[in-house]
Amino acid sequence: MHVYGKVKVIKGKKLLESLTKLVHKYEQNSKNPISVEKMSSKTLKQVNGIVGFSIKINEIQAAYKLSQNRNKTDYENIKYELNKIGDLNSIEIANEMKKVKK
């Protein structure tokens, strides 16, 4: 996928807020979710090594890829884990994967 647009670098407090939202979104349904609030000060210092950015998108060029290049075991595990998540988007992706590679 290629995304074209205007890039804005995010630093400091705004970066930490953005990372907190991102971690919460992707960890909330995990078996052992992590949170930024519970990270050690040593780990949080590593945030200084992250370059955060936002993009005001004006064009997207996408390709249709659903892990077709993976071996059969990995491919089946990906579909299984997507179905296990159980939300509509994950299930739809798993169903598309079934159509693409049989």
Protein backbone atom coordinates (compact mmCIF):
# COMPACT_ATOMS: atom_id res chain seq x y z
CA MET A 1 0.00 0.00 0.00
CA HIS A 2 1.16 3.50 -0.73
CA VAL A 3 -0.29 6.53 1.03
CA TYR A 4 0.32 10.04 -0.22
CA GLY A 5 -0.37 13.22 1.66
CA LYS A 6 0.94 15.84 4.07
CA VAL A 7 3.00 14.43 6.96
CA LYS A 8 3.11 16.02 10.41
CA VAL A 9 5.61 14.84 13.05
CA ILE A 10 4.15 14.19 16.51
CA LYS A 11 6.37 14.75 19.57
CA GLY A 12 6.29 14.91 23.36
CA LYS A 13 2.97 14.69 25.19
CA LYS A 14 0.98 14.33 21.94
CA LEU A 15 3.12 11.33 20.94
CA LEU A 16 2.57 9.63 24.31
CA GLU A 17 -1.20 10.26 24.05
CA SER A 18 -1.22 8.78 20.55
CA LEU A 19 0.77 5.71 21.64
CA THR A 20 -1.54 5.20 24.62
CA LYS A 21 -4.60 5.18 22.32
CA LEU A 22 -2.86 2.84 19.87
CA VAL A 23 -1.78 0.35 22.54
CA HIS A 24 -5.23 0.38 24.15
CA LYS A 25 -6.97 -0.22 20.81
CA TYR A 26 -4.83 -3.20 19.85
CA GLU A 27 -4.35 -4.73 23.31
CA GLN A 28 -7.88 -4.49 24.71
CA ASN A 29 -8.90 -7.94 23.44
CA SER A 30 -5.57 -9.65 24.14
CA LYS A 31 -5.30 -12.48 26.64
CA ASN A 32 -2.65 -10.53 28.59
CA PRO A 33 -3.06 -6.91 27.50
CA ILE A 34 -0.35 -4.36 28.19
CA SER A 35 -0.95 -0.69 28.87
CA VAL A 36 1.23 2.38 28.67
CA GLU A 37 0.14 3.39 32.16
CA LYS A 38 1.70 0.22 33.63
CA MET A 39 5.02 0.48 31.78
CA SER A 40 8.17 1.14 33.76
CA SER A 41 9.90 4.51 33.54
CA LYS A 42 12.80 2.75 31.81
CA THR A 43 10.47 1.45 29.10
CA LEU A 44 8.73 4.81 28.75
CA LYS A 45 12.11 6.49 28.12
CA GLN A 46 12.25 4.50 24.90
CA VAL A 47 9.39 6.63 23.59
CA ASN A 48 12.09 9.21 22.84
CA GLY A 49 13.33 6.85 20.12
CA ILE A 50 9.96 6.75 18.36
CA VAL A 51 9.17 9.12 15.52
CA GLY A 52 5.42 9.56 15.51
CA PHE A 53 3.57 11.09 12.61
CA SER A 54 0.15 11.70 11.18
CA ILE A 55 -0.74 11.96 7.52
CA LYS A 56 -3.49 14.03 5.97
CA ILE A 57 -4.17 11.57 3.16
CA ASN A 58 -4.93 12.77 -0.34
CA GLU A 59 -4.33 9.47 -2.21
CA ILE A 60 -4.17 5.75 -1.39
CA GLN A 61 -2.85 3.04 -3.71
CA ALA A 62 -3.62 -0.39 -2.28
CA ALA A 63 -2.90 -4.01 -3.20
CA TYR A 64 -5.01 -7.04 -2.30
CA LYS A 65 -2.84 -9.13 0.01
CA LEU A 66 -4.09 -11.56 2.61
CA SER A 67 -0.95 -13.48 3.64
CA GLN A 68 -1.02 -15.61 0.48
CA ASN A 69 2.77 -15.91 0.65
CA ARG A 70 2.67 -17.69 4.04
CA ASN A 71 3.09 -21.44 4.48
CA LYS A 72 -0.10 -23.46 5.05
CA THR A 73 0.36 -23.73 8.84
CA ASP A 74 0.88 -19.99 9.31
CA TYR A 75 -1.98 -19.20 6.93
CA GLU A 76 -4.39 -21.44 8.86
CA ASN A 77 -3.22 -19.99 12.20
CA ILE A 78 -3.84 -16.45 10.95
CA LYS A 79 -7.39 -17.35 9.89
CA TYR A 80 -7.99 -19.11 13.22
CA GLU A 81 -6.76 -16.14 15.27
CA LEU A 82 -8.85 -13.69 13.22
CA ASN A 83 -11.97 -15.77 13.81
CA LYS A 84 -11.11 -16.06 17.51
CA ILE A 85 -11.04 -12.25 17.84
CA GLY A 86 -14.67 -12.40 16.83
CA ASP A 87 -15.32 -8.84 15.67
CA LEU A 88 -16.97 -8.29 12.29
CA ASN A 89 -13.85 -6.97 10.54
CA SER A 90 -11.65 -9.87 11.69
CA ILE A 91 -14.23 -12.44 10.62
CA GLU A 92 -14.68 -10.80 7.22
CA ILE A 93 -10.91 -10.83 6.62
CA ALA A 94 -10.73 -14.52 7.60
CA ASN A 95 -13.61 -15.26 5.19
CA GLU A 96 -11.82 -13.41 2.39
CA MET A 97 -8.68 -15.41 3.14
CA LYS A 98 -10.70 -18.62 2.69
CA LYS A 99 -11.81 -17.42 -0.76
CA VAL A 100 -8.34 -16.37 -1.92
CA LYS A 101 -6.30 -19.44 -0.95
CA LYS A 102 -8.02 -22.80 -0.77
